[in-house]
Amino acid sequence: MGIIDGGFGGIDALLGSDLPASVRARCYTSVGSFTSNLADCDDGETHGTAVAEAVFDMAPGIDLYVADPISALDEQRTVTWMTRNGIRIITPRSSRG
């Protein structure tokens, strides 16, 4: 399962309890630049973390991938990364407005 969102605040503290022990991450530090360090996805916003918790509650055996792309191209590359790693279900960033 892949989750694309704008914020994963507090996600590290939930690993192994409310989330899988291991989560694959693509955390953008600037447009076009990312790390796999989950802490870099923690920008204080918690929407993505809440989505991840809800998904894990419904499907506790999932492989979980998360990302916080900044630009449209980052988002396209994130979807490609997830699908190349076998992810078939991706929740897109929700539009705010």
PDB file of N, CA and C in Angstrom:
ATOM      1  N   MET A   1       0.846  -1.166   0.000  1.00  0.00           N
ATOM      2  CA  MET A   1       0.000   0.000   0.000  1.00  0.00           C
ATOM      3  C   MET A   1       0.893   1.231   0.000  1.00  0.00           C
ATOM      4  N   GLY A   2       0.565   2.187  -0.817  1.00  0.00           N
ATOM      5  CA  GLY A   2       1.317   3.427  -0.871  1.00  0.00           C
ATOM      6  C   GLY A   2       0.455   4.593  -0.437  1.00  0.00           C
ATOM      7  N   ILE A   3       1.026   5.478   0.339  1.00  0.00           N
ATOM      8  CA  ILE A   3       0.319   6.674   0.788  1.00  0.00           C
ATOM      9  C   ILE A   3       1.140   7.890   0.388  1.00  0.00           C
ATOM     10  N   ILE A   4       0.511   8.741  -0.421  1.00  0.00           N
ATOM     11  CA  ILE A   4       1.128   9.998  -0.820  1.00  0.00           C
ATOM     12  C   ILE A   4       0.374  11.096  -0.082  1.00  0.00           C
ATOM     13  N   ASP A   5       1.087  11.855   0.722  1.00  0.00           N
ATOM     14  CA  ASP A   5       0.438  12.870   1.541  1.00  0.00           C
ATOM     15  C   ASP A   5       1.436  13.978   1.818  1.00  0.00           C
ATOM     16  N   GLY A   6       0.959  15.009   2.488  1.00  0.00           N
ATOM     17  CA  GLY A   6       1.802  16.160   2.765  1.00  0.00           C
ATOM     18  C   GLY A   6       2.499  16.126   4.098  1.00  0.00           C
ATOM     19  N   GLY A   7       2.121  15.218   4.984  1.00  0.00           N
ATOM     20  CA  GLY A   7       2.757  15.226   6.293  1.00  0.00           C
ATOM     21  C   GLY A   7       2.607  13.930   7.051  1.00  0.00           C
ATOM     22  N   PHE A   8       3.682  13.518   7.665  1.00  0.00           N
ATOM     23  CA  PHE A   8       3.705  12.275   8.412  1.00  0.00           C
ATOM     24  C   PHE A   8       4.274  12.520   9.811  1.00  0.00           C
ATOM     25  N   GLY A   9       3.762  13.550  10.462  1.00  0.00           N
ATOM     26  CA  GLY A   9       4.222  13.896  11.803  1.00  0.00           C
ATOM     27  C   GLY A   9       4.010  12.763  12.791  1.00  0.00           C
ATOM     28  N   GLY A  10       5.025  12.465  13.578  1.00  0.00           N
ATOM     29  CA  GLY A  10       4.945  11.454  14.623  1.00  0.00           C
ATOM     30  C   GLY A  10       4.950  10.021  14.141  1.00  0.00           C
ATOM     31  N   ILE A  11       5.208   9.794  12.865  1.00  0.00           N
ATOM     32  CA  ILE A  11       5.115   8.441  12.317  1.00  0.00           C
ATOM     33  C   ILE A  11       6.153   7.496  12.921  1.00  0.00           C
ATOM     34  N   ASP A  12       7.355   8.004  13.200  1.00  0.00           N
ATOM     35  CA  ASP A  12       8.415   7.156  13.777  1.00  0.00           C
ATOM     36  C   ASP A  12       7.978   6.486  15.076  1.00  0.00           C
ATOM     37  N   ALA A  13       7.252   7.206  15.901  1.00  0.00           N
ATOM     38  CA  ALA A  13       6.853   6.689  17.212  1.00  0.00           C
ATOM     39  C   ALA A  13       5.836   5.554  17.116  1.00  0.00           C
ATOM     40  N   LEU A  14       5.210   5.383  15.964  1.00  0.00           N
ATOM     41  CA  LEU A  14       4.158   4.374  15.805  1.00  0.00           C
ATOM     42  C   LEU A  14       4.641   3.083  15.167  1.00  0.00           C
ATOM     43  N   LEU A  15       5.900   3.065  14.714  1.00  0.00           N
ATOM     44  CA  LEU A  15       6.434   1.874  14.064  1.00  0.00           C
ATOM     45  C   LEU A  15       6.450   0.695  15.024  1.00  0.00           C
ATOM     46  N   GLY A  16       5.931  -0.431  14.552  1.00  0.00           N
ATOM     47  CA  GLY A  16       5.926  -1.644  15.360  1.00  0.00           C
ATOM     48  C   GLY A  16       4.742  -1.762  16.293  1.00  0.00           C
ATOM     49  N   SER A  17       3.898  -0.753  16.345  1.00  0.00           N
ATOM     50  CA  SER A  17       2.701  -0.849  17.193  1.00  0.00           C
ATOM     51  C   SER A  17       1.471  -0.488  16.364  1.00  0.00           C
ATOM     52  N   ASP A  18       1.263   0.772  16.082  1.00  0.00           N
ATOM     53  CA  ASP A  18       0.118   1.207  15.284  1.00  0.00           C
ATOM     54  C   ASP A  18       0.404   1.186  13.787  1.00  0.00           C
ATOM     55  N   LEU A  19       1.640   0.911  13.434  1.00  0.00           N
ATOM     56  CA  LEU A  19       2.079   0.796  12.043  1.00  0.00           C
ATOM     57  C   LEU A  19       3.038  -0.383  11.941  1.00  0.00           C
ATOM     58  N   PRO A  20       3.301  -0.858  10.715  1.00  0.00           N
ATOM     59  CA  PRO A  20       4.287  -1.939  10.583  1.00  0.00           C
ATOM     60  C   PRO A  20       5.633  -1.519  11.181  1.00  0.00           C
ATOM     61  N   ALA A  21       6.427  -2.485  11.555  1.00  0.00           N
ATOM     62  CA  ALA A  21       7.747  -2.195  12.126  1.00  0.00           C
ATOM     63  C   ALA A  21       8.650  -1.504  11.109  1.00  0.00           C
ATOM     64  N   SER A  22       8.405  -1.777   9.838  1.00  0.00           N
ATOM     65  CA  SER A  22       9.219  -1.196   8.776  1.00  0.00           C
ATOM     66  C   SER A  22       8.316  -0.513   7.753  1.00  0.00           C
ATOM     67  N   VAL A  23       8.638   0.724   7.435  1.00  0.00           N
ATOM     68  CA  VAL A  23       7.906   1.498   6.435  1.00  0.00           C
ATOM     69  C   VAL A  23       8.927   2.035   5.442  1.00  0.00           C
ATOM     70  N   ARG A  24       8.686   1.832   4.153  1.00  0.00           N
ATOM     71  CA  ARG A  24       9.571   2.384   3.126  1.00  0.00           C
ATOM     72  C   ARG A  24       9.148   3.813   2.856  1.00  0.00           C
ATOM     73  N   ALA A  25      10.100   4.713   2.798  1.00  0.00           N
ATOM     74  CA  ALA A  25       9.777   6.135   2.673  1.00  0.00           C
ATOM     75  C   ALA A  25      10.548   6.801   1.539  1.00  0.00           C
ATOM     76  N   ARG A  26       9.890   7.797   0.975  1.00  0.00           N
ATOM     77  CA  ARG A  26      10.518   8.696   0.008  1.00  0.00           C
ATOM     78  C   ARG A  26      10.135  10.089   0.486  1.00  0.00           C
ATOM     79  N   CYS A  27      11.026  10.677   1.275  1.00  0.00           N
ATOM     80  CA  CYS A  27      10.748  11.947   1.946  1.00  0.00           C
ATOM     81  C   CYS A  27      11.497  13.071   1.237  1.00  0.00           C
ATOM     82  N   TYR A  28      10.738  13.992   0.678  1.00  0.00           N
ATOM     83  CA  TYR A  28      11.320  15.069  -0.116  1.00  0.00           C
ATOM     84  C   TYR A  28      11.833  16.191   0.776  1.00  0.00           C
ATOM     85  N   THR A  29      13.077  16.560   0.538  1.00  0.00           N
ATOM     86  CA  THR A  29      13.696  17.654   1.282  1.00  0.00           C
ATOM     87  C   THR A  29      13.667  18.954   0.484  1.00  0.00           C
ATOM     88  N   SER A  30      13.507  18.825  -0.834  1.00  0.00           N
ATOM     89  CA  SER A  30      13.295  19.950  -1.747  1.00  0.00           C
ATOM     90  C   SER A  30      12.794  19.351  -3.057  1.00  0.00           C
ATOM     91  N   VAL A  31      12.364  20.181  -3.975  1.00  0.00           N
ATOM     92  CA  VAL A  31      11.849  19.683  -5.236  1.00  0.00           C
ATOM     93  C   VAL A  31      12.917  18.829  -5.916  1.00  0.00           C
ATOM     94  N   GLY A  32      12.548  17.595  -6.237  1.00  0.00           N
ATOM     95  CA  GLY A  32      13.460  16.683  -6.920  1.00  0.00           C
ATOM     96  C   GLY A  32      14.476  15.995  -6.033  1.00  0.00           C
ATOM     97  N   SER A  33      14.496  16.301  -4.757  1.00  0.00           N
ATOM     98  CA  SER A  33      15.490  15.730  -3.842  1.00  0.00           C
ATOM     99  C   SER A  33      14.780  15.060  -2.670  1.00  0.00           C
ATOM    100  N   PHE A  34      15.144  13.792  -2.406  1.00  0.00           N
ATOM    101  CA  PHE A  34      14.474  13.048  -1.349  1.00  0.00           C
ATOM    102  C   PHE A  34      15.452  12.131  -0.626  1.00  0.00           C
ATOM    103  N   THR A  35      15.030  11.647   0.524  1.00  0.00           N
ATOM    104  CA  THR A  35      15.786  10.659   1.284  1.00  0.00           C
ATOM    105  C   THR A  35      14.845   9.507   1.621  1.00  0.00           C
ATOM    106  N   SER A  36      15.411   8.431   2.113  1.00  0.00           N
ATOM    107  CA  SER A  36      14.600   7.302   2.592  1.00  0.00           C
ATOM    108  C   SER A  36      14.463   7.347   4.107  1.00  0.00           C
ATOM    109  N   ASN A  37      14.944   8.429   4.714  1.00  0.00           N
ATOM    110  CA  ASN A  37      14.871   8.608   6.166  1.00  0.00           C
ATOM    111  C   ASN A  37      13.462   9.067   6.546  1.00  0.00           C
ATOM    112  N   LEU A  38      12.716   8.197   7.222  1.00  0.00           N
ATOM    113  CA  LEU A  38      11.328   8.484   7.570  1.00  0.00           C
ATOM    114  C   LEU A  38      11.177   9.769   8.372  1.00  0.00           C
ATOM    115  N   ALA A  39      12.160  10.118   9.167  1.00  0.00           N
ATOM    116  CA  ALA A  39      12.095  11.353   9.954  1.00  0.00           C
ATOM    117  C   ALA A  39      12.004  12.590   9.059  1.00  0.00           C
ATOM    118  N   ASP A  40      12.503  12.501   7.835  1.00  0.00           N
ATOM    119  CA  ASP A  40      12.435  13.635   6.915  1.00  0.00           C
ATOM    120  C   ASP A  40      11.020  13.877   6.380  1.00  0.00           C
ATOM    121  N   CYS A  41      10.102  12.926   6.591  1.00  0.00           N
ATOM    122  CA  CYS A  41       8.695  13.108   6.195  1.00  0.00           C
ATOM    123  C   CYS A  41       7.887  13.769   7.313  1.00  0.00           C
ATOM    124  N   ASP A  42       8.498  13.959   8.470  1.00  0.00           N
ATOM    125  CA  ASP A  42       7.798  14.556   9.616  1.00  0.00           C
ATOM    126  C   ASP A  42       7.945  16.067   9.562  1.00  0.00           C
ATOM    127  N   ASP A  43       6.895  16.719   9.055  1.00  0.00           N
ATOM    128  CA  ASP A  43       6.906  18.178   8.984  1.00  0.00           C
ATOM    129  C   ASP A  43       5.938  18.797   9.993  1.00  0.00           C
ATOM    130  N   GLY A  44       5.459  17.980  10.916  1.00  0.00           N
ATOM    131  CA  GLY A  44       4.522  18.462  11.920  1.00  0.00           C
ATOM    132  C   GLY A  44       3.073  18.212  11.565  1.00  0.00           C
ATOM    133  N   GLU A  45       2.776  18.070  10.273  1.00  0.00           N
ATOM    134  CA  GLU A  45       1.418  17.728   9.838  1.00  0.00           C
ATOM    135  C   GLU A  45       1.201  16.229  10.059  1.00  0.00           C
ATOM    136  N   THR A  46      -0.006  15.838  10.444  1.00  0.00           N
ATOM    137  CA  THR A  46      -0.243  14.441  10.808  1.00  0.00           C
ATOM    138  C   THR A  46      -1.263  13.718   9.934  1.00  0.00           C
ATOM    139  N   HIS A  47      -1.756  14.363   8.885  1.00  0.00           N
ATOM    140  CA  HIS A  47      -2.781  13.720   8.059  1.00  0.00           C
ATOM    141  C   HIS A  47      -2.304  12.393   7.472  1.00  0.00           C
ATOM    142  N   GLY A  48      -1.117  12.381   6.900  1.00  0.00           N
ATOM    143  CA  GLY A  48      -0.578  11.152   6.309  1.00  0.00           C
ATOM    144  C   GLY A  48      -0.395  10.055   7.336  1.00  0.00           C
ATOM    145  N   THR A  49       0.025  10.425   8.537  1.00  0.00           N
ATOM    146  CA  THR A  49       0.188   9.451   9.612  1.00  0.00           C
ATOM    147  C   THR A  49      -1.159   8.839   9.978  1.00  0.00           C
ATOM    148  N   ALA A  50      -2.195   9.678  10.068  1.00  0.00           N
ATOM    149  CA  ALA A  50      -3.536   9.179  10.400  1.00  0.00           C
ATOM    150  C   ALA A  50      -4.056   8.235   9.316  1.00  0.00           C
ATOM    151  N   VAL A  51      -3.802   8.572   8.049  1.00  0.00           N
ATOM    152  CA  VAL A  51      -4.215   7.698   6.950  1.00  0.00           C
ATOM    153  C   VAL A  51      -3.479   6.359   7.063  1.00  0.00           C
ATOM    154  N   ALA A  52      -2.189   6.405   7.324  1.00  0.00           N
ATOM    155  CA  ALA A  52      -1.402   5.175   7.463  1.00  0.00           C
ATOM    156  C   ALA A  52      -1.931   4.305   8.598  1.00  0.00           C
ATOM    157  N   GLU A  53      -2.272   4.916   9.720  1.00  0.00           N
ATOM    158  CA  GLU A  53      -2.830   4.161  10.848  1.00  0.00           C
ATOM    159  C   GLU A  53      -4.148   3.499  10.475  1.00  0.00           C
ATOM    160  N   ALA A  54      -5.017   4.231   9.799  1.00  0.00           N
ATOM    161  CA  ALA A  54      -6.318   3.685   9.410  1.00  0.00           C
ATOM    162  C   ALA A  54      -6.145   2.514   8.451  1.00  0.00           C
ATOM    163  N   VAL A  55      -5.259   2.655   7.494  1.00  0.00           N
ATOM    164  CA  VAL A  55      -5.003   1.583   6.531  1.00  0.00           C
ATOM    165  C   VAL A  55      -4.442   0.353   7.247  1.00  0.00           C
ATOM    166  N   PHE A  56      -3.497   0.566   8.133  1.00  0.00           N
ATOM    167  CA  PHE A  56      -2.882  -0.547   8.854  1.00  0.00           C
ATOM    168  C   PHE A  56      -3.893  -1.245   9.766  1.00  0.00           C
ATOM    169  N   ASP A  57      -4.825  -0.502  10.344  1.00  0.00           N
ATOM    170  CA  ASP A  57      -5.883  -1.114  11.158  1.00  0.00           C
ATOM    171  C   ASP A  57      -6.729  -2.081  10.328  1.00  0.00           C
ATOM    172  N   MET A  58      -6.978  -1.718   9.069  1.00  0.00           N
ATOM    173  CA  MET A  58      -7.807  -2.549   8.192  1.00  0.00           C
ATOM    174  C   MET A  58      -7.025  -3.679   7.533  1.00  0.00           C
ATOM    175  N   ALA A  59      -5.727  -3.489   7.356  1.00  0.00           N
ATOM    176  CA  ALA A  59      -4.898  -4.480   6.659  1.00  0.00           C
ATOM    177  C   ALA A  59      -3.541  -4.588   7.346  1.00  0.00           C
ATOM    178  N   PRO A  60      -3.495  -5.238   8.510  1.00  0.00           N
ATOM    179  CA  PRO A  60      -2.259  -5.246   9.309  1.00  0.00           C
ATOM    180  C   PRO A  60      -1.064  -5.957   8.676  1.00  0.00           C
ATOM    181  N   GLY A  61      -1.252  -6.721   7.633  1.00  0.00           N
ATOM    182  CA  GLY A  61      -0.131  -7.424   7.024  1.00  0.00           C
ATOM    183  C   GLY A  61       0.487  -6.723   5.835  1.00  0.00           C
ATOM    184  N   ILE A  62       0.130  -5.477   5.600  1.00  0.00           N
ATOM    185  CA  ILE A  62       0.584  -4.782   4.393  1.00  0.00           C
ATOM    186  C   ILE A  62       2.046  -4.371   4.449  1.00  0.00           C
ATOM    187  N   ASP A  63       2.616  -4.221   3.257  1.00  0.00           N
ATOM    188  CA  ASP A  63       3.886  -3.516   3.096  1.00  0.00           C
ATOM    189  C   ASP A  63       3.481  -2.066   2.888  1.00  0.00           C
ATOM    190  N   LEU A  64       4.050  -1.156   3.661  1.00  0.00           N
ATOM    191  CA  LEU A  64       3.634   0.236   3.623  1.00  0.00           C
ATOM    192  C   LEU A  64       4.734   1.123   3.063  1.00  0.00           C
ATOM    193  N   TYR A  65       4.364   1.925   2.065  1.00  0.00           N
ATOM    194  CA  TYR A  65       5.243   2.907   1.449  1.00  0.00           C
ATOM    195  C   TYR A  65       4.609   4.274   1.653  1.00  0.00           C
ATOM    196  N   VAL A  66       5.409   5.265   2.032  1.00  0.00           N
ATOM    197  CA  VAL A  66       4.898   6.616   2.218  1.00  0.00           C
ATOM    198  C   VAL A  66       5.796   7.608   1.486  1.00  0.00           C
ATOM    199  N   ALA A  67       5.194   8.720   1.077  1.00  0.00           N
ATOM    200  CA  ALA A  67       5.955   9.772   0.403  1.00  0.00           C
ATOM    201  C   ALA A  67       5.236  11.101   0.540  1.00  0.00           C
ATOM    202  N   ASP A  68       6.026  12.165   0.528  1.00  0.00           N
ATOM    203  CA  ASP A  68       5.495  13.528   0.633  1.00  0.00           C
ATOM    204  C   ASP A  68       6.040  14.415  -0.489  1.00  0.00           C
ATOM    205  N   PRO A  69       5.721  14.081  -1.742  1.00  0.00           N
ATOM    206  CA  PRO A  69       6.277  14.852  -2.861  1.00  0.00           C
ATOM    207  C   PRO A  69       5.882  16.319  -2.815  1.00  0.00           C
ATOM    208  N   ILE A  70       6.756  17.156  -3.349  1.00  0.00           N
ATOM    209  CA  ILE A  70       6.545  18.597  -3.316  1.00  0.00           C
ATOM    210  C   ILE A  70       5.934  19.097  -4.623  1.00  0.00           C
ATOM    211  N   SER A  71       6.410  18.575  -5.752  1.00  0.00           N
ATOM    212  CA  SER A  71       5.936  19.048  -7.055  1.00  0.00           C
ATOM    213  C   SER A  71       5.153  17.948  -7.774  1.00  0.00           C
ATOM    214  N   ALA A  72       4.503  18.331  -8.863  1.00  0.00           N
ATOM    215  CA  ALA A  72       3.770  17.353  -9.672  1.00  0.00           C
ATOM    216  C   ALA A  72       4.718  16.300 -10.243  1.00  0.00           C
ATOM    217  N   LEU A  73       5.907  16.709 -10.664  1.00  0.00           N
ATOM    218  CA  LEU A  73       6.883  15.755 -11.187  1.00  0.00           C
ATOM    219  C   LEU A  73       7.358  14.819 -10.076  1.00  0.00           C
ATOM    220  N   ASP A  74       7.576  15.354  -8.873  1.00  0.00           N
ATOM    221  CA  ASP A  74       7.932  14.501  -7.731  1.00  0.00           C
ATOM    222  C   ASP A  74       6.843  13.452  -7.504  1.00  0.00           C
ATOM    223  N   GLU A  75       5.589  13.874  -7.613  1.00  0.00           N
ATOM    224  CA  GLU A  75       4.481  12.940  -7.395  1.00  0.00           C
ATOM    225  C   GLU A  75       4.461  11.848  -8.464  1.00  0.00           C
ATOM    226  N   GLN A  76       4.686  12.217  -9.715  1.00  0.00           N
ATOM    227  CA  GLN A  76       4.748  11.226 -10.793  1.00  0.00           C
ATOM    228  C   GLN A  76       5.872  10.228 -10.538  1.00  0.00           C
ATOM    229  N   ARG A  77       7.023  10.729 -10.138  1.00  0.00           N
ATOM    230  CA  ARG A  77       8.160   9.845  -9.867  1.00  0.00           C
ATOM    231  C   ARG A  77       7.906   8.966  -8.654  1.00  0.00           C
ATOM    232  N   THR A  78       7.163   9.477  -7.694  1.00  0.00           N
ATOM    233  CA  THR A  78       6.808   8.693  -6.514  1.00  0.00           C
ATOM    234  C   THR A  78       5.896   7.530  -6.893  1.00  0.00           C
ATOM    235  N   VAL A  79       4.907   7.800  -7.731  1.00  0.00           N
ATOM    236  CA  VAL A  79       4.005   6.735  -8.184  1.00  0.00           C
ATOM    237  C   VAL A  79       4.802   5.672  -8.940  1.00  0.00           C
ATOM    238  N   THR A  80       5.714   6.096  -9.787  1.00  0.00           N
ATOM    239  CA  THR A  80       6.561   5.147 -10.515  1.00  0.00           C
ATOM    240  C   THR A  80       7.384   4.313  -9.541  1.00  0.00           C
ATOM    241  N   TRP A  81       7.989   4.933  -8.534  1.00  0.00           N
ATOM    242  CA  TRP A  81       8.776   4.219  -7.517  1.00  0.00           C
ATOM    243  C   TRP A  81       7.917   3.182  -6.806  1.00  0.00           C
ATOM    244  N   MET A  82       6.725   3.581  -6.405  1.00  0.00           N
ATOM    245  CA  MET A  82       5.845   2.652  -5.687  1.00  0.00           C
ATOM    246  C   MET A  82       5.431   1.483  -6.568  1.00  0.00           C
ATOM    247  N   THR A  83       5.005   1.766  -7.794  1.00  0.00           N
ATOM    248  CA  THR A  83       4.549   0.681  -8.664  1.00  0.00           C
ATOM    249  C   THR A  83       5.696  -0.253  -9.058  1.00  0.00           C
ATOM    250  N   ARG A  84       6.884   0.279  -9.233  1.00  0.00           N
ATOM    251  CA  ARG A  84       8.034  -0.575  -9.544  1.00  0.00           C
ATOM    252  C   ARG A  84       8.392  -1.498  -8.380  1.00  0.00           C
ATOM    253  N   ASN A  85       7.979  -1.121  -7.187  1.00  0.00           N
ATOM    254  CA  ASN A  85       8.216  -1.947  -6.008  1.00  0.00           C
ATOM    255  C   ASN A  85       7.016  -2.844  -5.684  1.00  0.00           C
ATOM    256  N   GLY A  86       6.109  -2.979  -6.646  1.00  0.00           N
ATOM    257  CA  GLY A  86       5.001  -3.905  -6.498  1.00  0.00           C
ATOM    258  C   GLY A  86       3.757  -3.347  -5.826  1.00  0.00           C
ATOM    259  N   ILE A  87       3.755  -2.068  -5.520  1.00  0.00           N
ATOM    260  CA  ILE A  87       2.588  -1.463  -4.879  1.00  0.00           C
ATOM    261  C   ILE A  87       1.499  -1.282  -5.934  1.00  0.00           C
ATOM    262  N   ARG A  88       0.311  -1.791  -5.627  1.00  0.00           N
ATOM    263  CA  ARG A  88      -0.805  -1.721  -6.567  1.00  0.00           C
ATOM    264  C   ARG A  88      -1.925  -0.803  -6.083  1.00  0.00           C
ATOM    265  N   ILE A  89      -1.914  -0.440  -4.813  1.00  0.00           N
ATOM    266  CA  ILE A  89      -2.912   0.473  -4.275  1.00  0.00           C
ATOM    267  C   ILE A  89      -2.179   1.668  -3.698  1.00  0.00           C
ATOM    268  N   ILE A  90      -2.532   2.848  -4.192  1.00  0.00           N
ATOM    269  CA  ILE A  90      -1.892   4.090  -3.750  1.00  0.00           C
ATOM    270  C   ILE A  90      -2.972   5.103  -3.411  1.00  0.00           C
ATOM    271  N   THR A  91      -2.907   5.651  -2.207  1.00  0.00           N
ATOM    272  CA  THR A  91      -3.826   6.733  -1.871  1.00  0.00           C
ATOM    273  C   THR A  91      -3.135   8.029  -2.245  1.00  0.00           C
ATOM    274  N   PRO A  92      -3.775   8.823  -3.102  1.00  0.00           N
ATOM    275  CA  PRO A  92      -3.153  10.079  -3.522  1.00  0.00           C
ATOM    276  C   PRO A  92      -3.312  11.161  -2.478  1.00  0.00           C
ATOM    277  N   ARG A  93      -2.491  12.156  -2.595  1.00  0.00           N
ATOM    278  CA  ARG A  93      -2.599  13.343  -1.744  1.00  0.00           C
ATOM    279  C   ARG A  93      -3.996  13.912  -1.918  1.00  0.00           C
ATOM    280  N   SER A  94      -4.632  14.233  -0.796  1.00  0.00           N
ATOM    281  CA  SER A  94      -5.965  14.821  -0.881  1.00  0.00           C
ATOM    282  C   SER A  94      -5.837  16.281  -1.272  1.00  0.00           C
ATOM    283  N   SER A  95      -6.787  16.749  -2.059  1.00  0.00           N
ATOM    284  CA  SER A  95      -6.764  18.168  -2.424  1.00  0.00           C
ATOM    285  C   SER A  95      -7.393  18.972  -1.298  1.00  0.00           C
ATOM    286  N   ARG A  96      -6.797  20.089  -1.044  1.00  0.00           N
ATOM    287  CA  ARG A  96      -7.313  20.976   0.003  1.00  0.00           C
ATOM    288  C   ARG A  96      -7.852  22.209  -0.690  1.00  0.00           C
ATOM    289  N   GLY A  97      -8.965  22.681  -0.190  1.00  0.00           N
ATOM    290  CA  GLY A  97      -9.448  23.846  -0.883  1.00  0.00           C
ATOM    291  C   GLY A  97     -10.687  24.372  -0.358  1.00  0.00           C
TER     292      GLY A  97
END
